[in-house]
N, C-alpha and C. Protein backbone atom coordinates (compact mmCIF):
# COMPACT_ATOMS: atom_id res chain seq x y z
N MET A 1 -44.66 13.31 -84.04
CA MET A 1 -44.59 13.16 -82.61
C MET A 1 -44.52 11.62 -82.27
N LYS A 2 -43.63 11.26 -81.44
CA LYS A 2 -43.37 9.88 -81.12
C LYS A 2 -44.03 9.56 -79.78
N GLU A 3 -45.13 8.76 -79.85
CA GLU A 3 -45.87 8.40 -78.67
C GLU A 3 -45.13 7.28 -77.94
N GLN A 4 -45.09 7.30 -76.61
CA GLN A 4 -44.43 6.25 -75.91
C GLN A 4 -45.33 5.65 -74.82
N VAL A 5 -45.17 4.33 -74.72
CA VAL A 5 -45.86 3.56 -73.65
C VAL A 5 -44.83 3.00 -72.75
N SER A 6 -44.82 3.39 -71.49
CA SER A 6 -43.81 2.86 -70.56
C SER A 6 -44.16 1.47 -70.18
N SER A 7 -43.14 0.72 -69.84
CA SER A 7 -43.33 -0.69 -69.37
C SER A 7 -43.45 -0.76 -67.87
N GLY A 8 -44.07 0.16 -67.26
CA GLY A 8 -44.23 0.18 -65.79
C GLY A 8 -43.97 1.63 -65.31
N MET A 9 -43.69 1.75 -64.06
CA MET A 9 -43.30 3.06 -63.53
C MET A 9 -42.01 3.49 -64.17
N ALA A 10 -42.04 4.73 -64.71
CA ALA A 10 -40.85 5.25 -65.42
C ALA A 10 -39.72 5.54 -64.41
N ASP A 11 -38.67 4.80 -64.50
CA ASP A 11 -37.50 4.98 -63.71
C ASP A 11 -36.40 5.54 -64.63
N GLU A 12 -35.42 6.20 -64.06
CA GLU A 12 -34.31 6.64 -64.86
C GLU A 12 -33.62 5.48 -65.50
N GLY A 13 -33.33 5.56 -66.79
CA GLY A 13 -32.66 4.43 -67.45
C GLY A 13 -33.57 3.35 -67.93
N GLU A 14 -34.84 3.43 -67.58
CA GLU A 14 -35.76 2.41 -68.06
C GLU A 14 -36.16 2.65 -69.47
N GLU A 15 -36.13 1.55 -70.21
CA GLU A 15 -36.48 1.69 -71.66
C GLU A 15 -37.95 1.86 -71.86
N SER A 16 -38.32 2.77 -72.74
CA SER A 16 -39.67 2.99 -73.14
C SER A 16 -39.95 2.28 -74.45
N VAL A 17 -41.24 1.98 -74.63
CA VAL A 17 -41.63 1.31 -75.87
C VAL A 17 -42.68 2.17 -76.55
N THR A 18 -42.53 2.45 -77.83
CA THR A 18 -43.49 3.27 -78.54
C THR A 18 -44.57 2.35 -79.06
N LEU A 19 -45.68 2.99 -79.44
CA LEU A 19 -46.76 2.25 -80.10
C LEU A 19 -46.29 1.66 -81.40
N VAL A 20 -45.44 2.38 -82.10
CA VAL A 20 -44.87 1.91 -83.35
C VAL A 20 -44.03 0.64 -83.07
N ASP A 21 -43.25 0.62 -82.01
CA ASP A 21 -42.46 -0.57 -81.60
C ASP A 21 -43.36 -1.76 -81.39
N LEU A 22 -44.42 -1.51 -80.62
CA LEU A 22 -45.38 -2.58 -80.34
C LEU A 22 -46.03 -3.12 -81.56
N LYS A 23 -46.40 -2.21 -82.47
CA LYS A 23 -47.05 -2.63 -83.72
C LYS A 23 -46.12 -3.52 -84.53
N ARG A 24 -44.88 -3.07 -84.62
CA ARG A 24 -43.86 -3.85 -85.39
C ARG A 24 -43.63 -5.24 -84.70
N LYS A 25 -43.48 -5.27 -83.42
CA LYS A 25 -43.23 -6.49 -82.69
C LYS A 25 -44.45 -7.48 -82.88
N MET A 26 -45.68 -6.92 -82.79
CA MET A 26 -46.81 -7.74 -82.91
C MET A 26 -46.93 -8.30 -84.36
N ALA A 27 -46.65 -7.48 -85.37
CA ALA A 27 -46.71 -7.94 -86.72
C ALA A 27 -45.69 -9.00 -86.96
N GLU A 28 -44.51 -8.83 -86.43
CA GLU A 28 -43.43 -9.84 -86.61
C GLU A 28 -43.79 -11.14 -85.87
N PHE A 29 -44.30 -11.02 -84.71
CA PHE A 29 -44.73 -12.15 -83.88
C PHE A 29 -45.80 -12.95 -84.64
N ALA A 30 -46.78 -12.31 -85.24
CA ALA A 30 -47.83 -12.99 -85.97
C ALA A 30 -47.27 -13.60 -87.27
N ARG A 31 -46.43 -12.84 -87.97
CA ARG A 31 -45.82 -13.34 -89.22
C ARG A 31 -44.97 -14.60 -88.96
N GLU A 32 -44.17 -14.59 -87.94
CA GLU A 32 -43.31 -15.76 -87.63
C GLU A 32 -44.12 -17.04 -87.37
N ARG A 33 -45.32 -16.87 -86.87
CA ARG A 33 -46.18 -17.98 -86.49
C ARG A 33 -47.28 -18.27 -87.53
N ASP A 34 -47.20 -17.49 -88.64
CA ASP A 34 -48.16 -17.67 -89.73
C ASP A 34 -49.61 -17.42 -89.20
N TRP A 35 -49.79 -16.44 -88.30
CA TRP A 35 -51.09 -16.10 -87.74
C TRP A 35 -51.77 -15.01 -88.46
N ASP A 36 -51.13 -14.37 -89.43
CA ASP A 36 -51.77 -13.25 -90.17
C ASP A 36 -53.12 -13.68 -90.74
N GLN A 37 -53.13 -14.97 -91.18
CA GLN A 37 -54.40 -15.49 -91.76
C GLN A 37 -55.60 -15.45 -90.79
N PHE A 38 -55.28 -15.42 -89.51
CA PHE A 38 -56.37 -15.46 -88.52
C PHE A 38 -56.63 -14.04 -87.92
N HIS A 39 -55.78 -13.07 -88.29
CA HIS A 39 -55.92 -11.72 -87.68
C HIS A 39 -56.80 -10.85 -88.51
N SER A 40 -58.03 -11.22 -88.64
CA SER A 40 -59.01 -10.34 -89.28
C SER A 40 -59.45 -9.33 -88.22
N PRO A 41 -60.02 -8.18 -88.60
CA PRO A 41 -60.49 -7.27 -87.58
C PRO A 41 -61.52 -7.91 -86.65
N ARG A 42 -62.40 -8.70 -87.18
CA ARG A 42 -63.42 -9.33 -86.32
C ARG A 42 -62.76 -10.26 -85.32
N ASN A 43 -61.85 -11.12 -85.75
CA ASN A 43 -61.19 -12.05 -84.83
C ASN A 43 -60.41 -11.35 -83.74
N LEU A 44 -59.70 -10.29 -84.16
CA LEU A 44 -58.93 -9.53 -83.21
C LEU A 44 -59.83 -8.83 -82.18
N LEU A 45 -60.93 -8.29 -82.68
CA LEU A 45 -61.88 -7.60 -81.77
C LEU A 45 -62.47 -8.64 -80.74
N LEU A 46 -62.86 -9.80 -81.21
CA LEU A 46 -63.34 -10.80 -80.29
C LEU A 46 -62.33 -11.27 -79.30
N ALA A 47 -61.07 -11.39 -79.74
CA ALA A 47 -60.02 -11.72 -78.82
C ALA A 47 -59.79 -10.60 -77.81
N LEU A 48 -59.85 -9.32 -78.27
CA LEU A 48 -59.72 -8.18 -77.36
C LEU A 48 -60.79 -8.18 -76.31
N VAL A 49 -62.05 -8.42 -76.75
CA VAL A 49 -63.19 -8.49 -75.82
C VAL A 49 -62.97 -9.60 -74.75
N GLY A 50 -62.45 -10.72 -75.19
CA GLY A 50 -62.18 -11.84 -74.28
C GLY A 50 -61.13 -11.41 -73.24
N GLU A 51 -60.11 -10.71 -73.68
CA GLU A 51 -59.05 -10.30 -72.72
C GLU A 51 -59.54 -9.22 -71.77
N VAL A 52 -60.45 -8.35 -72.27
CA VAL A 52 -61.07 -7.35 -71.33
C VAL A 52 -61.89 -8.09 -70.29
N GLY A 53 -62.58 -9.17 -70.69
CA GLY A 53 -63.31 -10.02 -69.71
C GLY A 53 -62.38 -10.59 -68.70
N GLU A 54 -61.20 -11.11 -69.10
CA GLU A 54 -60.21 -11.65 -68.14
C GLU A 54 -59.74 -10.54 -67.21
N LEU A 55 -59.51 -9.34 -67.72
CA LEU A 55 -59.10 -8.22 -66.94
C LEU A 55 -60.19 -7.88 -65.96
N SER A 56 -61.46 -7.87 -66.39
CA SER A 56 -62.57 -7.58 -65.48
C SER A 56 -62.70 -8.57 -64.35
N GLU A 57 -62.39 -9.86 -64.62
CA GLU A 57 -62.46 -10.87 -63.55
C GLU A 57 -61.55 -10.56 -62.40
N ILE A 58 -60.43 -9.91 -62.64
CA ILE A 58 -59.51 -9.59 -61.55
C ILE A 58 -60.13 -8.68 -60.55
N PHE A 59 -60.98 -7.78 -61.02
CA PHE A 59 -61.60 -6.76 -60.12
C PHE A 59 -63.03 -7.17 -59.71
N GLN A 60 -63.57 -8.26 -60.28
CA GLN A 60 -64.94 -8.61 -60.12
C GLN A 60 -65.47 -8.59 -58.68
N TRP A 61 -64.77 -9.20 -57.79
CA TRP A 61 -65.30 -9.33 -56.41
C TRP A 61 -64.49 -8.54 -55.42
N LYS A 62 -63.67 -7.56 -55.86
CA LYS A 62 -62.82 -6.79 -54.91
C LYS A 62 -63.51 -5.53 -54.45
N GLY A 63 -64.66 -5.17 -54.95
CA GLY A 63 -65.32 -3.90 -54.55
C GLY A 63 -64.52 -2.75 -55.18
N GLU A 64 -64.66 -1.59 -54.55
CA GLU A 64 -63.93 -0.42 -54.99
C GLU A 64 -62.44 -0.58 -54.63
N VAL A 65 -61.57 -0.39 -55.58
CA VAL A 65 -60.17 -0.55 -55.36
C VAL A 65 -59.44 0.78 -55.46
N PRO A 66 -58.77 1.21 -54.35
CA PRO A 66 -58.09 2.56 -54.40
C PRO A 66 -56.83 2.53 -55.31
N LYS A 67 -56.49 3.72 -55.78
CA LYS A 67 -55.28 3.89 -56.57
C LYS A 67 -54.08 3.26 -55.88
N GLY A 68 -53.21 2.69 -56.66
CA GLY A 68 -51.98 2.10 -56.10
C GLY A 68 -52.20 0.65 -55.65
N LEU A 69 -53.39 0.22 -55.59
CA LEU A 69 -53.77 -1.17 -55.23
C LEU A 69 -53.18 -1.61 -53.88
N PRO A 70 -53.36 -0.80 -52.84
CA PRO A 70 -52.88 -1.22 -51.51
C PRO A 70 -53.52 -2.50 -51.08
N GLY A 71 -52.68 -3.37 -50.51
CA GLY A 71 -53.12 -4.66 -50.05
C GLY A 71 -53.04 -5.75 -51.10
N TRP A 72 -52.72 -5.43 -52.30
CA TRP A 72 -52.50 -6.41 -53.36
C TRP A 72 -51.08 -6.96 -53.27
N ASP A 73 -50.95 -8.26 -53.35
CA ASP A 73 -49.61 -8.81 -53.35
C ASP A 73 -48.98 -8.70 -54.77
N GLU A 74 -47.65 -9.00 -54.82
CA GLU A 74 -46.99 -8.89 -56.08
C GLU A 74 -47.54 -9.85 -57.16
N LYS A 75 -48.00 -11.04 -56.75
CA LYS A 75 -48.53 -11.98 -57.70
C LYS A 75 -49.81 -11.46 -58.33
N GLU A 76 -50.68 -10.79 -57.54
CA GLU A 76 -51.88 -10.16 -58.08
C GLU A 76 -51.58 -9.05 -59.04
N LYS A 77 -50.56 -8.21 -58.70
CA LYS A 77 -50.18 -7.08 -59.55
C LYS A 77 -49.55 -7.60 -60.83
N GLU A 78 -48.81 -8.69 -60.74
CA GLU A 78 -48.17 -9.24 -61.94
C GLU A 78 -49.27 -9.78 -62.86
N HIS A 79 -50.25 -10.46 -62.28
CA HIS A 79 -51.36 -10.98 -63.11
C HIS A 79 -52.11 -9.82 -63.77
N LEU A 80 -52.35 -8.76 -63.05
CA LEU A 80 -53.00 -7.59 -63.60
C LEU A 80 -52.19 -7.00 -64.78
N GLY A 81 -50.89 -6.97 -64.58
CA GLY A 81 -50.04 -6.45 -65.66
C GLY A 81 -50.10 -7.32 -66.92
N GLU A 82 -50.18 -8.64 -66.73
CA GLU A 82 -50.30 -9.52 -67.88
C GLU A 82 -51.62 -9.32 -68.61
N GLU A 83 -52.69 -9.17 -67.89
CA GLU A 83 -53.99 -9.01 -68.55
C GLU A 83 -54.07 -7.58 -69.22
N LEU A 84 -53.55 -6.55 -68.56
CA LEU A 84 -53.49 -5.26 -69.20
C LEU A 84 -52.66 -5.31 -70.47
N SER A 85 -51.58 -6.06 -70.43
CA SER A 85 -50.73 -6.19 -71.60
C SER A 85 -51.47 -6.87 -72.73
N ASP A 86 -52.20 -7.98 -72.39
CA ASP A 86 -52.99 -8.66 -73.43
C ASP A 86 -53.94 -7.73 -74.14
N VAL A 87 -54.63 -6.90 -73.31
CA VAL A 87 -55.64 -5.93 -73.86
C VAL A 87 -54.86 -4.92 -74.81
N LEU A 88 -53.76 -4.39 -74.35
CA LEU A 88 -53.02 -3.41 -75.12
C LEU A 88 -52.53 -4.05 -76.45
N LEU A 89 -51.97 -5.24 -76.37
CA LEU A 89 -51.40 -5.87 -77.56
C LEU A 89 -52.50 -6.17 -78.56
N TYR A 90 -53.61 -6.70 -78.18
CA TYR A 90 -54.69 -6.89 -79.12
C TYR A 90 -55.19 -5.59 -79.76
N LEU A 91 -55.29 -4.53 -78.89
CA LEU A 91 -55.74 -3.25 -79.34
C LEU A 91 -54.73 -2.68 -80.42
N VAL A 92 -53.43 -2.75 -80.13
CA VAL A 92 -52.43 -2.31 -81.08
C VAL A 92 -52.50 -3.11 -82.36
N ARG A 93 -52.65 -4.42 -82.29
CA ARG A 93 -52.72 -5.26 -83.45
C ARG A 93 -53.97 -4.98 -84.27
N LEU A 94 -55.12 -4.78 -83.60
CA LEU A 94 -56.38 -4.47 -84.26
C LEU A 94 -56.24 -3.10 -84.99
N SER A 95 -55.65 -2.17 -84.37
CA SER A 95 -55.54 -0.83 -85.02
C SER A 95 -54.56 -0.95 -86.23
N ASP A 96 -53.53 -1.78 -86.15
CA ASP A 96 -52.61 -1.94 -87.31
C ASP A 96 -53.37 -2.65 -88.48
N ILE A 97 -54.07 -3.70 -88.18
CA ILE A 97 -54.77 -4.42 -89.22
C ILE A 97 -55.85 -3.56 -89.90
N CYS A 98 -56.40 -2.65 -89.10
CA CYS A 98 -57.44 -1.76 -89.65
C CYS A 98 -56.86 -0.49 -90.27
N GLY A 99 -55.55 -0.37 -90.23
CA GLY A 99 -54.89 0.83 -90.81
C GLY A 99 -55.12 2.12 -90.05
N VAL A 100 -55.33 2.02 -88.77
CA VAL A 100 -55.53 3.21 -87.87
C VAL A 100 -54.24 3.48 -87.16
N ASP A 101 -53.71 4.69 -87.28
CA ASP A 101 -52.60 5.16 -86.52
C ASP A 101 -53.12 5.42 -85.10
N LEU A 102 -52.91 4.52 -84.16
CA LEU A 102 -53.48 4.58 -82.85
C LEU A 102 -52.97 5.80 -82.11
N GLY A 103 -51.68 6.11 -82.18
CA GLY A 103 -51.18 7.29 -81.47
C GLY A 103 -51.87 8.60 -81.93
N GLN A 104 -51.98 8.72 -83.23
CA GLN A 104 -52.64 9.94 -83.80
C GLN A 104 -54.13 9.90 -83.42
N ALA A 105 -54.78 8.77 -83.47
CA ALA A 105 -56.20 8.66 -83.09
C ALA A 105 -56.44 9.05 -81.67
N VAL A 106 -55.50 8.63 -80.75
CA VAL A 106 -55.62 8.98 -79.35
C VAL A 106 -55.39 10.50 -79.16
N LEU A 107 -54.45 11.08 -79.81
CA LEU A 107 -54.28 12.55 -79.66
C LEU A 107 -55.47 13.31 -80.18
N ARG A 108 -56.05 12.89 -81.28
CA ARG A 108 -57.21 13.53 -81.85
C ARG A 108 -58.42 13.40 -80.89
N LYS A 109 -58.57 12.21 -80.33
CA LYS A 109 -59.69 11.98 -79.40
C LYS A 109 -59.49 12.84 -78.13
N MET A 110 -58.29 13.01 -77.68
CA MET A 110 -58.07 13.80 -76.48
C MET A 110 -58.37 15.29 -76.82
N GLU A 111 -58.09 15.74 -78.01
CA GLU A 111 -58.48 17.10 -78.40
C GLU A 111 -60.00 17.22 -78.46
N LEU A 112 -60.65 16.25 -79.01
CA LEU A 112 -62.12 16.26 -79.06
C LEU A 112 -62.76 16.31 -77.70
N ASN A 113 -62.20 15.46 -76.77
CA ASN A 113 -62.65 15.43 -75.39
C ASN A 113 -62.43 16.76 -74.67
N ALA A 114 -61.29 17.39 -74.97
CA ALA A 114 -60.98 18.68 -74.33
C ALA A 114 -62.01 19.75 -74.77
N SER A 115 -62.49 19.66 -76.00
CA SER A 115 -63.49 20.60 -76.51
C SER A 115 -64.87 20.22 -75.95
N LYS A 116 -65.16 18.97 -75.85
CA LYS A 116 -66.42 18.47 -75.38
C LYS A 116 -66.57 18.66 -73.91
N TYR A 117 -65.49 18.55 -73.11
CA TYR A 117 -65.52 18.66 -71.66
C TYR A 117 -64.54 19.80 -71.20
N PRO A 118 -64.88 21.09 -71.44
CA PRO A 118 -63.92 22.14 -71.05
C PRO A 118 -63.69 22.14 -69.59
N VAL A 119 -62.50 22.50 -69.14
CA VAL A 119 -62.13 22.44 -67.79
C VAL A 119 -63.08 23.28 -66.91
N HIS A 120 -63.53 24.39 -67.34
CA HIS A 120 -64.39 25.21 -66.52
C HIS A 120 -65.74 24.55 -66.19
N HIS A 121 -66.10 23.57 -67.00
CA HIS A 121 -67.36 22.85 -66.77
C HIS A 121 -67.19 21.63 -65.88
N CYS A 122 -65.92 21.24 -65.70
CA CYS A 122 -65.68 19.98 -65.03
C CYS A 122 -65.00 20.12 -63.68
N THR A 123 -64.57 21.28 -63.30
CA THR A 123 -63.91 21.48 -62.02
C THR A 123 -64.89 21.62 -60.93
N MET A 124 -64.49 21.21 -59.74
CA MET A 124 -65.37 21.24 -58.58
C MET A 124 -64.88 22.30 -57.62
N PRO A 125 -65.79 22.90 -56.92
CA PRO A 125 -65.36 23.87 -55.88
C PRO A 125 -64.61 23.11 -54.81
N SER A 126 -63.54 23.66 -54.28
CA SER A 126 -62.65 22.96 -53.36
C SER A 126 -63.37 22.75 -51.99
N SER A 127 -64.40 23.52 -51.68
CA SER A 127 -65.03 23.39 -50.35
C SER A 127 -66.10 22.28 -50.32
N SER A 128 -66.46 21.73 -51.45
CA SER A 128 -67.54 20.72 -51.42
C SER A 128 -67.01 19.39 -50.99
N SER A 129 -67.89 18.56 -50.41
CA SER A 129 -67.47 17.24 -49.91
C SER A 129 -67.26 16.35 -51.14
N SER A 130 -66.51 15.27 -50.96
CA SER A 130 -66.19 14.39 -52.05
C SER A 130 -67.42 13.71 -52.61
N SER A 131 -68.37 13.32 -51.77
CA SER A 131 -69.58 12.65 -52.32
C SER A 131 -70.42 13.54 -53.14
N SER A 132 -70.63 14.80 -52.71
CA SER A 132 -71.40 15.72 -53.49
C SER A 132 -70.61 16.12 -54.76
N SER A 133 -69.31 16.19 -54.61
CA SER A 133 -68.46 16.50 -55.80
C SER A 133 -68.59 15.44 -56.82
N MET A 134 -68.60 14.17 -56.44
CA MET A 134 -68.73 13.11 -57.39
C MET A 134 -70.11 13.19 -58.07
N ARG A 135 -71.13 13.57 -57.33
CA ARG A 135 -72.42 13.72 -58.03
C ARG A 135 -72.40 14.81 -59.04
N ASN A 136 -71.69 15.93 -58.69
CA ASN A 136 -71.55 17.03 -59.61
C ASN A 136 -70.83 16.63 -60.87
N ILE A 137 -69.73 15.90 -60.74
CA ILE A 137 -68.98 15.44 -61.85
C ILE A 137 -69.83 14.56 -62.75
N ASN A 138 -70.52 13.58 -62.09
CA ASN A 138 -71.35 12.66 -62.92
C ASN A 138 -72.48 13.43 -63.60
N THR A 139 -73.02 14.44 -62.97
CA THR A 139 -74.13 15.20 -63.59
C THR A 139 -73.58 15.95 -64.79
N VAL A 140 -72.43 16.66 -64.63
CA VAL A 140 -71.83 17.40 -65.72
C VAL A 140 -71.45 16.45 -66.82
N HIS A 141 -70.77 15.34 -66.46
CA HIS A 141 -70.29 14.42 -67.51
C HIS A 141 -71.49 13.82 -68.28
N HIS A 142 -72.47 13.28 -67.54
CA HIS A 142 -73.56 12.56 -68.25
C HIS A 142 -74.48 13.57 -68.99
N SER A 143 -74.67 14.74 -68.44
CA SER A 143 -75.61 15.66 -69.11
C SER A 143 -74.94 16.21 -70.41
N SER A 144 -73.63 16.26 -70.47
CA SER A 144 -72.97 16.85 -71.60
C SER A 144 -72.80 15.87 -72.74
N ASN A 145 -72.97 14.58 -72.50
CA ASN A 145 -72.80 13.60 -73.60
C ASN A 145 -73.89 12.57 -73.65
N ASN A 146 -75.06 12.92 -73.06
CA ASN A 146 -76.20 12.00 -73.12
C ASN A 146 -75.91 10.57 -72.61
N GLY A 147 -75.01 10.45 -71.62
CA GLY A 147 -74.75 9.19 -71.00
C GLY A 147 -73.65 8.40 -71.68
N ASN A 148 -73.19 8.82 -72.84
CA ASN A 148 -72.08 8.07 -73.51
C ASN A 148 -70.81 8.43 -72.87
N THR A 149 -70.08 7.44 -72.47
CA THR A 149 -68.74 7.67 -71.87
C THR A 149 -67.74 7.35 -72.97
N ASN A 150 -67.37 8.32 -73.73
CA ASN A 150 -66.42 8.08 -74.82
C ASN A 150 -65.06 8.72 -74.55
N LEU A 151 -64.59 8.48 -73.33
CA LEU A 151 -63.26 8.98 -73.00
C LEU A 151 -62.25 8.00 -73.51
């Protein structure tokens, strides 16, 4: 199965990039710059954590942000895309260096989550208010995994 990561909103004719493509491009990029010597799992993980921190800074003082980022200008969205890309690229590189097939690991994890969180335990009655529904979701989610959010 060929996993694909889109480079934005999928439009007709837009080229998709697979995880395999990203892995190859990152390996070539590092090899051309003689960076393989620095790409230990530890170093890549620390770089990934740093990039997640930069991503977090974008949202740090914005409060709750609705889907679609209404009110954000194009420069803010572009910056967000850059930081999301940095996180993804380090994650792909780390998985490659560790010998983990990230696409297969994701599919396996989704299957595990589907078993751990069956639909009938996670759905909300349509008549309940959104605030009480969110409490129900959090209660179901946290009680079923002892507070670990391993999605």
